[in-house]
């Protein structure tokens, strides 16, 4: 995606970035909360980088 959240999450977990991208796309299409979750995780990523 755009902000690097999926790649960041893949370094923190055992899943690949591809799996996270699929999850976020499905979350946007099916439930509509994927965009909000993505933005919240982006804020966590930005605030945790030191």
C-alpha atoms as a PDB file:
ATOM      1  CA  UNK A   1       0.000   0.000   0.000  1.00  0.00           C
ATOM      2  CA  UNK A   2       1.103   3.552   0.431  1.00  0.00           C
ATOM      3  CA  UNK A   3       2.444   4.211   3.927  1.00  0.00           C
ATOM      4  CA  UNK A   4       4.507   1.058   4.553  1.00  0.00           C
ATOM      5  CA  UNK A   5       2.276  -0.374   7.256  1.00  0.00           C
ATOM      6  CA  UNK A   6       2.103  -3.868   5.751  1.00  0.00           C
ATOM      7  CA  UNK A   7       5.868  -4.149   5.461  1.00  0.00           C
ATOM      8  CA  UNK A   8       6.272  -2.838   9.007  1.00  0.00           C
ATOM      9  CA  UNK A   9       3.758  -5.362  10.345  1.00  0.00           C
ATOM     10  CA  UNK A  10       5.502  -8.190   8.505  1.00  0.00           C
ATOM     11  CA  UNK A  11       8.753  -7.387  10.303  1.00  0.00           C
ATOM     12  CA  UNK A  12       6.909  -7.481  13.652  1.00  0.00           C
ATOM     13  CA  UNK A  13       5.049 -10.768  12.995  1.00  0.00           C
ATOM     14  CA  UNK A  14       5.529 -14.069  11.172  1.00  0.00           C
ATOM     15  CA  UNK A  15       3.215 -13.128   8.311  1.00  0.00           C
ATOM     16  CA  UNK A  16       4.325 -11.738   4.972  1.00  0.00           C
ATOM     17  CA  UNK A  17       3.475  -8.259   3.732  1.00  0.00           C
ATOM     18  CA  UNK A  18       1.402  -9.878   0.992  1.00  0.00           C
ATOM     19  CA  UNK A  19      -0.882 -11.466   3.598  1.00  0.00           C
ATOM     20  CA  UNK A  20      -1.405  -8.129   5.328  1.00  0.00           C
ATOM     21  CA  UNK A  21      -2.172  -6.403   2.033  1.00  0.00           C
ATOM     22  CA  UNK A  22      -4.797  -9.022   1.211  1.00  0.00           C
ATOM     23  CA  UNK A  23      -6.314  -8.612   4.677  1.00  0.00           C
ATOM     24  CA  UNK A  24      -6.553  -4.826   4.392  1.00  0.00           C
ATOM     25  CA  UNK A  25      -8.086  -4.978   0.911  1.00  0.00           C
ATOM     26  CA  UNK A  26     -10.667  -7.507   2.086  1.00  0.00           C
ATOM     27  CA  UNK A  27     -11.361  -5.451   5.204  1.00  0.00           C
ATOM     28  CA  UNK A  28     -12.042  -2.382   3.073  1.00  0.00           C
ATOM     29  CA  UNK A  29     -14.253  -4.232   0.628  1.00  0.00           C
ATOM     30  CA  UNK A  30     -16.221  -6.345   3.093  1.00  0.00           C
ATOM     31  CA  UNK A  31     -16.434  -4.408   6.336  1.00  0.00           C
ATOM     32  CA  UNK A  32     -15.255  -0.906   5.510  1.00  0.00           C
ATOM     33  CA  UNK A  33     -13.050  -0.598   8.597  1.00  0.00           C
ATOM     34  CA  UNK A  34      -9.782  -1.384   6.805  1.00  0.00           C
ATOM     35  CA  UNK A  35      -8.975   2.231   6.016  1.00  0.00           C
ATOM     36  CA  UNK A  36      -9.391   3.294   9.628  1.00  0.00           C
ATOM     37  CA  UNK A  37      -7.354   0.361  10.909  1.00  0.00           C
ATOM     38  CA  UNK A  38      -4.631   1.111   8.349  1.00  0.00           C
ATOM     39  CA  UNK A  39      -4.441   4.757   9.425  1.00  0.00           C
ATOM     40  CA  UNK A  40      -4.347   3.866  13.115  1.00  0.00           C
ATOM     41  CA  UNK A  41      -1.519   1.395  12.485  1.00  0.00           C
ATOM     42  CA  UNK A  42       0.315   4.046  10.456  1.00  0.00           C
ATOM     43  CA  UNK A  43       0.116   6.421  13.432  1.00  0.00           C
ATOM     44  CA  UNK A  44       1.455   3.692  15.726  1.00  0.00           C
ATOM     45  CA  UNK A  45       4.286   3.058  13.277  1.00  0.00           C
ATOM     46  CA  UNK A  46       5.185   6.735  13.017  1.00  0.00           C
ATOM     47  CA  UNK A  47       5.060   7.317  16.760  1.00  0.00           C
ATOM     48  CA  UNK A  48       7.058   4.159  17.573  1.00  0.00           C
ATOM     49  CA  UNK A  49       9.959   4.985  15.196  1.00  0.00           C
ATOM     50  CA  UNK A  50      12.751   6.587  17.138  1.00  0.00           C
END
